[in-house]
Amino acid sequence: MAVFRGKITAWNSGTYKASVRIDGSPGEVVSNIPVDRGLASADMVVGRACLLDTGDTQNPADFVLTTVWA
């Protein structure tokens, strides 16, 4: 399982999905990433660092945002 670090660029509390710029790819943003429902909506602040779990593939459709921090 691969894990990527990134920064939240957008957050939709209605769908509980985020857009993230993956570290090392300044121009690339991955959109509509499901967010772990265990994370509080108030913690999903644009600019915060996050981890993306890719599962068994590196297909962006399989990504899940699992952690946020300052």
PDB file of N, CA and C in Angstrom:
ATOM      1  N   MET A   1       0.853  -1.175   0.000  1.00  0.00           N
ATOM      2  CA  MET A   1       0.000   0.000   0.000  1.00  0.00           C
ATOM      3  C   MET A   1       0.894   1.231   0.000  1.00  0.00           C
ATOM      4  N   ALA A   2       0.634   2.134  -0.911  1.00  0.00           N
ATOM      5  CA  ALA A   2       1.370   3.388  -0.980  1.00  0.00           C
ATOM      6  C   ALA A   2       0.583   4.480  -0.272  1.00  0.00           C
ATOM      7  N   VAL A   3       1.317   5.390   0.331  1.00  0.00           N
ATOM      8  CA  VAL A   3       0.714   6.542   1.007  1.00  0.00           C
ATOM      9  C   VAL A   3       1.377   7.794   0.454  1.00  0.00           C
ATOM     10  N   PHE A   4       0.578   8.794   0.113  1.00  0.00           N
ATOM     11  CA  PHE A   4       1.094  10.060  -0.387  1.00  0.00           C
ATOM     12  C   PHE A   4       0.776  11.177   0.597  1.00  0.00           C
ATOM     13  N   ARG A   5       1.714  12.117   0.712  1.00  0.00           N
ATOM     14  CA  ARG A   5       1.470  13.338   1.479  1.00  0.00           C
ATOM     15  C   ARG A   5       0.989  14.407   0.528  1.00  0.00           C
ATOM     16  N   GLY A   6       0.175  15.332   1.045  1.00  0.00           N
ATOM     17  CA  GLY A   6      -0.304  16.419   0.209  1.00  0.00           C
ATOM     18  C   GLY A   6      -0.853  17.560   1.035  1.00  0.00           C
ATOM     19  N   LYS A   7      -1.453  18.517   0.345  1.00  0.00           N
ATOM     20  CA  LYS A   7      -2.108  19.679   0.984  1.00  0.00           C
ATOM     21  C   LYS A   7      -3.534  19.768   0.460  1.00  0.00           C
ATOM     22  N   ILE A   8      -4.462  20.026   1.362  1.00  0.00           N
ATOM     23  CA  ILE A   8      -5.861  20.173   0.978  1.00  0.00           C
ATOM     24  C   ILE A   8      -6.018  21.481   0.200  1.00  0.00           C
ATOM     25  N   THR A   9      -6.626  21.397  -0.974  1.00  0.00           N
ATOM     26  CA  THR A   9      -6.860  22.596  -1.782  1.00  0.00           C
ATOM     27  C   THR A   9      -8.336  22.969  -1.821  1.00  0.00           C
ATOM     28  N   ALA A  10      -9.216  22.015  -1.518  1.00  0.00           N
ATOM     29  CA  ALA A  10     -10.656  22.294  -1.485  1.00  0.00           C
ATOM     30  C   ALA A  10     -11.329  21.217  -0.640  1.00  0.00           C
ATOM     31  N   TRP A  11     -12.468  21.592  -0.048  1.00  0.00           N
ATOM     32  CA  TRP A  11     -13.208  20.690   0.837  1.00  0.00           C
ATOM     33  C   TRP A  11     -14.692  20.884   0.605  1.00  0.00           C
ATOM     34  N   ASN A  12     -15.428  19.773   0.456  1.00  0.00           N
ATOM     35  CA  ASN A  12     -16.879  19.816   0.289  1.00  0.00           C
ATOM     36  C   ASN A  12     -17.501  19.032   1.433  1.00  0.00           C
ATOM     37  N   SER A  13     -18.075  19.736   2.402  1.00  0.00           N
ATOM     38  CA  SER A  13     -18.644  19.063   3.573  1.00  0.00           C
ATOM     39  C   SER A  13     -19.918  18.294   3.232  1.00  0.00           C
ATOM     40  N   GLY A  14     -20.585  18.657   2.151  1.00  0.00           N
ATOM     41  CA  GLY A  14     -21.804  17.962   1.744  1.00  0.00           C
ATOM     42  C   GLY A  14     -21.531  16.560   1.234  1.00  0.00           C
ATOM     43  N   THR A  15     -20.460  16.413   0.461  1.00  0.00           N
ATOM     44  CA  THR A  15     -20.110  15.101  -0.094  1.00  0.00           C
ATOM     45  C   THR A  15     -19.023  14.400   0.700  1.00  0.00           C
ATOM     46  N   TYR A  16     -18.394  15.105   1.626  1.00  0.00           N
ATOM     47  CA  TYR A  16     -17.259  14.624   2.414  1.00  0.00           C
ATOM     48  C   TYR A  16     -16.126  14.184   1.493  1.00  0.00           C
ATOM     49  N   LYS A  17     -15.837  15.054   0.500  1.00  0.00           N
ATOM     50  CA  LYS A  17     -14.739  14.807  -0.432  1.00  0.00           C
ATOM     51  C   LYS A  17     -13.847  16.033  -0.491  1.00  0.00           C
ATOM     52  N   ALA A  18     -12.572  15.777  -0.795  1.00  0.00           N
ATOM     53  CA  ALA A  18     -11.585  16.855  -0.831  1.00  0.00           C
ATOM     54  C   ALA A  18     -10.813  16.827  -2.141  1.00  0.00           C
ATOM     55  N   SER A  19     -10.170  17.939  -2.433  1.00  0.00           N
ATOM     56  CA  SER A  19      -9.183  18.024  -3.504  1.00  0.00           C
ATOM     57  C   SER A  19      -7.838  18.233  -2.827  1.00  0.00           C
ATOM     58  N   VAL A  20      -6.811  17.572  -3.350  1.00  0.00           N
ATOM     59  CA  VAL A  20      -5.498  17.589  -2.709  1.00  0.00           C
ATOM     60  C   VAL A  20      -4.411  17.767  -3.760  1.00  0.00           C
ATOM     61  N   ARG A  21      -3.445  18.633  -3.441  1.00  0.00           N
ATOM     62  CA  ARG A  21      -2.230  18.745  -4.252  1.00  0.00           C
ATOM     63  C   ARG A  21      -1.201  17.825  -3.613  1.00  0.00           C
ATOM     64  N   ILE A  22      -0.778  16.819  -4.359  1.00  0.00           N
ATOM     65  CA  ILE A  22       0.180  15.849  -3.843  1.00  0.00           C
ATOM     66  C   ILE A  22       1.557  16.488  -3.789  1.00  0.00           C
ATOM     67  N   ASP A  23       2.262  16.302  -2.669  1.00  0.00           N
ATOM     68  CA  ASP A  23       3.612  16.859  -2.520  1.00  0.00           C
ATOM     69  C   ASP A  23       4.494  16.362  -3.660  1.00  0.00           C
ATOM     70  N   GLY A  24       5.277  17.265  -4.214  1.00  0.00           N
ATOM     71  CA  GLY A  24       6.164  16.928  -5.311  1.00  0.00           C
ATOM     72  C   GLY A  24       5.538  17.130  -6.680  1.00  0.00           C
ATOM     73  N   SER A  25       4.232  17.427  -6.728  1.00  0.00           N
ATOM     74  CA  SER A  25       3.571  17.721  -8.009  1.00  0.00           C
ATOM     75  C   SER A  25       2.859  19.049  -7.884  1.00  0.00           C
ATOM     76  N   PRO A  26       3.588  20.145  -7.988  1.00  0.00           N
ATOM     77  CA  PRO A  26       3.009  21.457  -7.718  1.00  0.00           C
ATOM     78  C   PRO A  26       1.807  21.830  -8.565  1.00  0.00           C
ATOM     79  N   GLY A  27       1.713  21.344  -9.797  1.00  0.00           N
ATOM     80  CA  GLY A  27       0.592  21.741 -10.642  1.00  0.00           C
ATOM     81  C   GLY A  27      -0.540  20.735 -10.676  1.00  0.00           C
ATOM     82  N   GLU A  28      -0.374  19.576 -10.053  1.00  0.00           N
ATOM     83  CA  GLU A  28      -1.378  18.525 -10.154  1.00  0.00           C
ATOM     84  C   GLU A  28      -2.242  18.453  -8.896  1.00  0.00           C
ATOM     85  N   VAL A  29      -3.551  18.535  -9.099  1.00  0.00           N
ATOM     86  CA  VAL A  29      -4.507  18.416  -7.991  1.00  0.00           C
ATOM     87  C   VAL A  29      -5.416  17.237  -8.283  1.00  0.00           C
ATOM     88  N   VAL A  30      -5.581  16.366  -7.289  1.00  0.00           N
ATOM     89  CA  VAL A  30      -6.484  15.226  -7.408  1.00  0.00           C
ATOM     90  C   VAL A  30      -7.790  15.625  -6.720  1.00  0.00           C
ATOM     91  N   SER A  31      -8.904  15.487  -7.422  1.00  0.00           N
ATOM     92  CA  SER A  31     -10.211  15.941  -6.914  1.00  0.00           C
ATOM     93  C   SER A  31     -11.107  14.777  -6.538  1.00  0.00           C
ATOM     94  N   ASN A  32     -12.144  15.096  -5.762  1.00  0.00           N
ATOM     95  CA  ASN A  32     -13.185  14.138  -5.351  1.00  0.00           C
ATOM     96  C   ASN A  32     -12.641  12.941  -4.588  1.00  0.00           C
ATOM     97  N   ILE A  33     -11.699  13.199  -3.689  1.00  0.00           N
ATOM     98  CA  ILE A  33     -11.137  12.138  -2.861  1.00  0.00           C
ATOM     99  C   ILE A  33     -12.028  11.953  -1.640  1.00  0.00           C
ATOM    100  N   PRO A  34     -12.536  10.745  -1.425  1.00  0.00           N
ATOM    101  CA  PRO A  34     -13.333  10.499  -0.219  1.00  0.00           C
ATOM    102  C   PRO A  34     -12.486  10.718   1.038  1.00  0.00           C
ATOM    103  N   VAL A  35     -13.114  11.256   2.069  1.00  0.00           N
ATOM    104  CA  VAL A  35     -12.439  11.549   3.327  1.00  0.00           C
ATOM    105  C   VAL A  35     -12.980  10.609   4.406  1.00  0.00           C
ATOM    106  N   ASP A  36     -12.071  10.085   5.223  1.00  0.00           N
ATOM    107  CA  ASP A  36     -12.461   9.228   6.348  1.00  0.00           C
ATOM    108  C   ASP A  36     -13.482   9.972   7.201  1.00  0.00           C
ATOM    109  N   ARG A  37     -14.636   9.372   7.426  1.00  0.00           N
ATOM    110  CA  ARG A  37     -15.705  10.024   8.205  1.00  0.00           C
ATOM    111  C   ARG A  37     -15.338  10.195   9.673  1.00  0.00           C
ATOM    112  N   GLY A  38     -14.246   9.581  10.102  1.00  0.00           N
ATOM    113  CA  GLY A  38     -13.771   9.772  11.469  1.00  0.00           C
ATOM    114  C   GLY A  38     -13.094  11.124  11.669  1.00  0.00           C
ATOM    115  N   LEU A  39     -12.785  11.807  10.571  1.00  0.00           N
ATOM    116  CA  LEU A  39     -12.182  13.139  10.652  1.00  0.00           C
ATOM    117  C   LEU A  39     -13.290  14.178  10.740  1.00  0.00           C
ATOM    118  N   ALA A  40     -13.136  15.091  11.662  1.00  0.00           N
ATOM    119  CA  ALA A  40     -14.141  16.143  11.830  1.00  0.00           C
ATOM    120  C   ALA A  40     -14.108  17.104  10.650  1.00  0.00           C
ATOM    121  N   SER A  41     -15.271  17.524  10.219  1.00  0.00           N
ATOM    122  CA  SER A  41     -15.374  18.481   9.115  1.00  0.00           C
ATOM    123  C   SER A  41     -14.592  19.757   9.430  1.00  0.00           C
ATOM    124  N   ALA A  42     -14.586  20.165  10.686  1.00  0.00           N
ATOM    125  CA  ALA A  42     -13.875  21.382  11.093  1.00  0.00           C
ATOM    126  C   ALA A  42     -12.358  21.254  10.905  1.00  0.00           C
ATOM    127  N   ASP A  43     -11.841  20.020  10.844  1.00  0.00           N
ATOM    128  CA  ASP A  43     -10.406  19.803  10.645  1.00  0.00           C
ATOM    129  C   ASP A  43      -9.982  19.885   9.181  1.00  0.00           C
ATOM    130  N   MET A  44     -10.950  19.913   8.286  1.00  0.00           N
ATOM    131  CA  MET A  44     -10.660  19.903   6.853  1.00  0.00           C
ATOM    132  C   MET A  44     -10.481  21.332   6.344  1.00  0.00           C
ATOM    133  N   VAL A  45      -9.350  21.917   6.667  1.00  0.00           N
ATOM    134  CA  VAL A  45      -9.061  23.315   6.349  1.00  0.00           C
ATOM    135  C   VAL A  45      -8.113  23.369   5.147  1.00  0.00           C
ATOM    136  N   VAL A  46      -8.451  24.203   4.172  1.00  0.00           N
ATOM    137  CA  VAL A  46      -7.593  24.369   2.995  1.00  0.00           C
ATOM    138  C   VAL A  46      -6.194  24.769   3.451  1.00  0.00           C
ATOM    139  N   GLY A  47      -5.192  24.097   2.908  1.00  0.00           N
ATOM    140  CA  GLY A  47      -3.805  24.371   3.251  1.00  0.00           C
ATOM    141  C   GLY A  47      -3.213  23.400   4.245  1.00  0.00           C
ATOM    142  N   ARG A  48      -4.057  22.625   4.918  1.00  0.00           N
ATOM    143  CA  ARG A  48      -3.537  21.662   5.889  1.00  0.00           C
ATOM    144  C   ARG A  48      -2.898  20.478   5.177  1.00  0.00           C
ATOM    145  N   ALA A  49      -1.890  19.925   5.815  1.00  0.00           N
ATOM    146  CA  ALA A  49      -1.227  18.729   5.303  1.00  0.00           C
ATOM    147  C   ALA A  49      -2.126  17.515   5.531  1.00  0.00           C
ATOM    148  N   CYS A  50      -1.982  16.523   4.651  1.00  0.00           N
ATOM    149  CA  CYS A  50      -2.810  15.321   4.775  1.00  0.00           C
ATOM    150  C   CYS A  50      -2.077  14.112   4.219  1.00  0.00           C
ATOM    151  N   LEU A  51      -2.621  12.930   4.527  1.00  0.00           N
ATOM    152  CA  LEU A  51      -2.128  11.677   3.967  1.00  0.00           C
ATOM    153  C   LEU A  51      -3.219  11.048   3.129  1.00  0.00           C
ATOM    154  N   LEU A  52      -2.828  10.518   1.979  1.00  0.00           N
ATOM    155  CA  LEU A  52      -3.743   9.798   1.105  1.00  0.00           C
ATOM    156  C   LEU A  52      -3.319   8.339   1.077  1.00  0.00           C
ATOM    157  N   ASP A  53      -4.235   7.458   1.408  1.00  0.00           N
ATOM    158  CA  ASP A  53      -3.998   6.019   1.321  1.00  0.00           C
ATOM    159  C   ASP A  53      -4.473   5.573  -0.055  1.00  0.00           C
ATOM    160  N   THR A  54      -3.635   4.854  -0.780  1.00  0.00           N
ATOM    161  CA  THR A  54      -3.986   4.443  -2.138  1.00  0.00           C
ATOM    162  C   THR A  54      -4.562   3.039  -2.199  1.00  0.00           C
ATOM    163  N   GLY A  55      -4.616   2.340  -1.075  1.00  0.00           N
ATOM    164  CA  GLY A  55      -5.061   0.955  -1.122  1.00  0.00           C
ATOM    165  C   GLY A  55      -4.001   0.118  -1.814  1.00  0.00           C
ATOM    166  N   ASP A  56      -4.402  -0.816  -2.636  1.00  0.00           N
ATOM    167  CA  ASP A  56      -3.453  -1.692  -3.321  1.00  0.00           C
ATOM    168  C   ASP A  56      -3.019  -1.166  -4.677  1.00  0.00           C
ATOM    169  N   THR A  57      -3.570  -0.031  -5.097  1.00  0.00           N
ATOM    170  CA  THR A  57      -3.223   0.497  -6.410  1.00  0.00           C
ATOM    171  C   THR A  57      -2.804   1.953  -6.268  1.00  0.00           C
ATOM    172  N   GLN A  58      -2.310   2.527  -7.327  1.00  0.00           N
ATOM    173  CA  GLN A  58      -2.016   3.956  -7.323  1.00  0.00           C
ATOM    174  C   GLN A  58      -2.995   4.676  -8.237  1.00  0.00           C
ATOM    175  N   ASN A  59      -4.194   4.130  -8.336  1.00  0.00           N
ATOM    176  CA  ASN A  59      -5.267   4.716  -9.126  1.00  0.00           C
ATOM    177  C   ASN A  59      -5.942   5.800  -8.283  1.00  0.00           C
ATOM    178  N   PRO A  60      -5.936   7.064  -8.724  1.00  0.00           N
ATOM    179  CA  PRO A  60      -6.548   8.134  -7.927  1.00  0.00           C
ATOM    180  C   PRO A  60      -8.011   7.881  -7.548  1.00  0.00           C
ATOM    181  N   ALA A  61      -8.718   7.072  -8.302  1.00  0.00           N
ATOM    182  CA  ALA A  61     -10.111   6.765  -7.973  1.00  0.00           C
ATOM    183  C   ALA A  61     -10.217   5.927  -6.701  1.00  0.00           C
ATOM    184  N   ASP A  62      -9.121   5.309  -6.279  1.00  0.00           N
ATOM    185  CA  ASP A  62      -9.113   4.476  -5.077  1.00  0.00           C
ATOM    186  C   ASP A  62      -8.557   5.186  -3.846  1.00  0.00           C
ATOM    187  N   PHE A  63      -8.120   6.446  -3.988  1.00  0.00           N
ATOM    188  CA  PHE A  63      -7.525   7.169  -2.866  1.00  0.00           C
ATOM    189  C   PHE A  63      -8.560   7.449  -1.778  1.00  0.00           C
ATOM    190  N   VAL A  64      -8.087   7.497  -0.515  1.00  0.00           N
ATOM    191  CA  VAL A  64      -8.894   7.919   0.631  1.00  0.00           C
ATOM    192  C   VAL A  64      -8.020   8.823   1.481  1.00  0.00           C
ATOM    193  N   LEU A  65      -8.543   9.988   1.873  1.00  0.00           N
ATOM    194  CA  LEU A  65      -7.833  10.893   2.754  1.00  0.00           C
ATOM    195  C   LEU A  65      -8.049  10.404   4.177  1.00  0.00           C
ATOM    196  N   THR A  66      -6.957  10.055   4.875  1.00  0.00           N
ATOM    197  CA  THR A  66      -7.082   9.398   6.175  1.00  0.00           C
ATOM    198  C   THR A  66      -6.626  10.237   7.372  1.00  0.00           C
ATOM    199  N   THR A  67      -5.776  11.243   7.143  1.00  0.00           N
ATOM    200  CA  THR A  67      -5.194  11.987   8.254  1.00  0.00           C
ATOM    201  C   THR A  67      -4.947  13.437   7.853  1.00  0.00           C
ATOM    202  N   VAL A  68      -5.127  14.363   8.772  1.00  0.00           N
ATOM    203  CA  VAL A  68      -4.753  15.766   8.559  1.00  0.00           C
ATOM    204  C   VAL A  68      -3.950  16.257   9.755  1.00  0.00           C
ATOM    205  N   TRP A  69      -3.093  17.243   9.505  1.00  0.00           N
ATOM    206  CA  TRP A  69      -2.353  17.881  10.579  1.00  0.00           C
ATOM    207  C   TRP A  69      -1.982  19.285  10.134  1.00  0.00           C
ATOM    208  N   ALA A  70      -1.417  20.052  11.065  1.00  0.00           N
ATOM    209  CA  ALA A  70      -1.080  21.456  10.799  1.00  0.00           C
ATOM    210  C   ALA A  70      -0.361  21.566   9.535  1.00  0.00           C
TER     211      ALA A  70
END
